[in-house]
Amino acid sequence: MTKFKDSECYPIKFNLFGLLAMSDKLTFPMVWQDKYYLKKVIQIDKDSIFILGRNLELEGNK
């Protein structure tokens, strides 16, 4: 798994229930759907979750 420093990551907003439904376990760091590297949860709202992470597709375009 690619590892990023906190300074290389940015907050990403997900639908909380959609993220839970699409993942059998939520452990961090993780790669979600081969698209996002998710490092740590930074905030949970009523129906959204903000996770410090990166879009893995951006890495392939460098």
N, C-alpha and C. Protein backbone atom coordinates (compact mmCIF):
# COMPACT_ATOMS: atom_id res chain seq x y z
N MET A 1 0.85 -1.19 0.00
CA MET A 1 0.00 0.00 0.00
C MET A 1 0.88 1.24 0.00
N THR A 2 0.51 2.19 -0.82
CA THR A 2 1.21 3.47 -0.83
C THR A 2 0.97 4.17 0.49
N LYS A 3 2.00 4.79 1.03
CA LYS A 3 1.83 5.52 2.28
C LYS A 3 2.13 6.99 2.03
N PHE A 4 1.31 7.86 2.58
CA PHE A 4 1.48 9.30 2.45
C PHE A 4 1.63 9.92 3.83
N LYS A 5 2.38 11.01 3.89
CA LYS A 5 2.46 11.80 5.12
C LYS A 5 1.18 12.63 5.23
N ASP A 6 0.86 13.05 6.45
CA ASP A 6 -0.32 13.89 6.65
C ASP A 6 -0.27 15.12 5.76
N SER A 7 0.91 15.70 5.57
CA SER A 7 1.03 16.92 4.78
C SER A 7 0.73 16.68 3.30
N GLU A 8 0.76 15.43 2.86
CA GLU A 8 0.47 15.09 1.47
C GLU A 8 -1.00 14.75 1.25
N CYS A 9 -1.76 14.70 2.33
CA CYS A 9 -3.17 14.32 2.25
C CYS A 9 -4.05 15.54 2.46
N TYR A 10 -5.31 15.39 2.11
CA TYR A 10 -6.27 16.48 2.26
C TYR A 10 -7.62 15.88 2.67
N PRO A 11 -8.49 16.70 3.28
CA PRO A 11 -9.78 16.17 3.72
C PRO A 11 -10.66 15.79 2.53
N ILE A 12 -11.29 14.63 2.61
CA ILE A 12 -12.21 14.15 1.58
C ILE A 12 -13.52 13.84 2.29
N LYS A 13 -14.64 14.32 1.72
CA LYS A 13 -15.95 14.08 2.31
C LYS A 13 -16.60 12.88 1.65
N PHE A 14 -17.11 11.97 2.46
CA PHE A 14 -17.82 10.79 1.98
C PHE A 14 -19.19 10.75 2.63
N ASN A 15 -20.12 10.08 1.96
CA ASN A 15 -21.40 9.77 2.57
C ASN A 15 -21.14 8.66 3.58
N LEU A 16 -21.43 8.91 4.82
CA LEU A 16 -21.11 7.98 5.90
C LEU A 16 -21.72 6.60 5.66
N PHE A 17 -23.00 6.56 5.34
CA PHE A 17 -23.67 5.27 5.20
C PHE A 17 -23.22 4.55 3.93
N GLY A 18 -22.93 5.30 2.87
CA GLY A 18 -22.42 4.69 1.65
C GLY A 18 -21.05 4.09 1.85
N LEU A 19 -20.21 4.78 2.59
CA LEU A 19 -18.86 4.28 2.86
C LEU A 19 -18.93 3.02 3.71
N LEU A 20 -19.79 3.02 4.72
CA LEU A 20 -19.94 1.84 5.58
C LEU A 20 -20.50 0.66 4.80
N ALA A 21 -21.45 0.94 3.91
CA ALA A 21 -22.09 -0.13 3.16
C ALA A 21 -21.13 -0.76 2.15
N MET A 22 -20.19 0.03 1.62
CA MET A 22 -19.29 -0.47 0.60
C MET A 22 -18.04 -1.12 1.18
N SER A 23 -17.84 -1.03 2.48
CA SER A 23 -16.65 -1.58 3.10
C SER A 23 -17.04 -2.57 4.20
N ASP A 24 -16.45 -3.77 4.16
CA ASP A 24 -16.77 -4.75 5.20
C ASP A 24 -16.10 -4.42 6.52
N LYS A 25 -15.05 -3.60 6.46
CA LYS A 25 -14.39 -3.15 7.69
C LYS A 25 -13.77 -1.79 7.43
N LEU A 26 -13.78 -0.95 8.42
CA LEU A 26 -13.18 0.37 8.29
C LEU A 26 -11.96 0.45 9.20
N THR A 27 -10.83 0.13 8.65
CA THR A 27 -9.58 0.27 9.38
C THR A 27 -8.69 1.20 8.57
N PHE A 28 -7.96 2.05 9.22
CA PHE A 28 -7.14 3.05 8.54
C PHE A 28 -5.68 2.85 8.91
N PRO A 29 -4.74 3.03 8.02
CA PRO A 29 -4.97 3.45 6.63
C PRO A 29 -5.53 2.31 5.78
N MET A 30 -6.23 2.69 4.72
CA MET A 30 -6.80 1.70 3.81
C MET A 30 -6.90 2.30 2.42
N VAL A 31 -7.02 1.44 1.43
CA VAL A 31 -7.33 1.87 0.08
C VAL A 31 -8.76 1.45 -0.18
N TRP A 32 -9.60 2.41 -0.57
CA TRP A 32 -11.03 2.17 -0.76
C TRP A 32 -11.37 2.15 -2.23
N GLN A 33 -11.91 1.04 -2.70
CA GLN A 33 -12.33 0.84 -4.08
C GLN A 33 -11.20 1.13 -5.07
N ASP A 34 -9.96 0.89 -4.69
CA ASP A 34 -8.79 1.13 -5.53
C ASP A 34 -8.72 2.56 -6.05
N LYS A 35 -9.41 3.48 -5.39
CA LYS A 35 -9.45 4.85 -5.87
C LYS A 35 -8.90 5.85 -4.87
N TYR A 36 -9.13 5.59 -3.59
CA TYR A 36 -8.71 6.55 -2.56
C TYR A 36 -7.83 5.87 -1.53
N TYR A 37 -6.78 6.58 -1.14
CA TYR A 37 -6.00 6.20 0.03
C TYR A 37 -6.57 6.99 1.20
N LEU A 38 -7.10 6.30 2.20
CA LEU A 38 -7.72 6.93 3.35
C LEU A 38 -6.83 6.72 4.56
N LYS A 39 -6.40 7.83 5.17
CA LYS A 39 -5.43 7.72 6.27
C LYS A 39 -6.08 7.73 7.64
N LYS A 40 -6.93 8.72 7.91
CA LYS A 40 -7.58 8.75 9.22
C LYS A 40 -8.83 9.61 9.18
N VAL A 41 -9.76 9.25 10.03
CA VAL A 41 -11.00 10.00 10.16
C VAL A 41 -10.70 11.28 10.93
N ILE A 42 -11.19 12.41 10.39
CA ILE A 42 -10.96 13.67 11.09
C ILE A 42 -12.25 14.31 11.61
N GLN A 43 -13.40 13.90 11.05
CA GLN A 43 -14.67 14.46 11.54
C GLN A 43 -15.82 13.59 11.05
N ILE A 44 -16.81 13.40 11.91
CA ILE A 44 -18.03 12.69 11.53
C ILE A 44 -19.21 13.60 11.85
N ASP A 45 -19.99 13.90 10.81
CA ASP A 45 -21.21 14.69 10.99
C ASP A 45 -22.41 13.76 10.98
N LYS A 46 -23.60 14.34 10.93
CA LYS A 46 -24.83 13.55 10.97
C LYS A 46 -24.87 12.49 9.87
N ASP A 47 -24.51 12.85 8.64
CA ASP A 47 -24.58 11.89 7.54
C ASP A 47 -23.33 11.91 6.66
N SER A 48 -22.28 12.55 7.11
CA SER A 48 -21.04 12.64 6.34
C SER A 48 -19.84 12.29 7.22
N ILE A 49 -18.80 11.84 6.56
CA ILE A 49 -17.55 11.55 7.27
C ILE A 49 -16.41 12.20 6.49
N PHE A 50 -15.54 12.91 7.18
CA PHE A 50 -14.40 13.56 6.56
C PHE A 50 -13.14 12.78 6.91
N ILE A 51 -12.43 12.36 5.89
CA ILE A 51 -11.25 11.51 6.08
C ILE A 51 -10.05 12.18 5.42
N LEU A 52 -8.92 12.17 6.12
CA LEU A 52 -7.68 12.67 5.55
C LEU A 52 -7.17 11.62 4.59
N GLY A 53 -7.02 11.98 3.34
CA GLY A 53 -6.60 11.00 2.36
C GLY A 53 -6.20 11.62 1.04
N ARG A 54 -6.05 10.77 0.03
CA ARG A 54 -5.67 11.21 -1.31
C ARG A 54 -6.37 10.38 -2.35
N ASN A 55 -6.55 10.99 -3.52
CA ASN A 55 -7.07 10.27 -4.68
C ASN A 55 -5.90 9.57 -5.35
N LEU A 56 -5.93 8.25 -5.44
CA LEU A 56 -4.81 7.49 -6.00
C LEU A 56 -4.64 7.75 -7.49
N GLU A 57 -5.71 8.15 -8.20
CA GLU A 57 -5.62 8.42 -9.62
C GLU A 57 -4.69 9.60 -9.91
N LEU A 58 -4.59 10.53 -8.97
CA LEU A 58 -3.69 11.68 -9.16
C LEU A 58 -2.23 11.23 -9.21
N GLU A 59 -1.91 10.16 -8.48
CA GLU A 59 -0.53 9.66 -8.47
C GLU A 59 -0.12 9.10 -9.83
N GLY A 60 -1.04 8.47 -10.52
CA GLY A 60 -0.72 7.86 -11.80
C GLY A 60 -0.50 8.87 -12.91
N ASN A 61 -0.96 10.10 -12.71
CA ASN A 61 -0.84 11.12 -13.75
C ASN A 61 0.43 11.93 -13.64
N LYS A 62 1.27 11.65 -12.66
CA LYS A 62 2.50 12.44 -12.49
C LYS A 62 3.53 12.07 -13.53
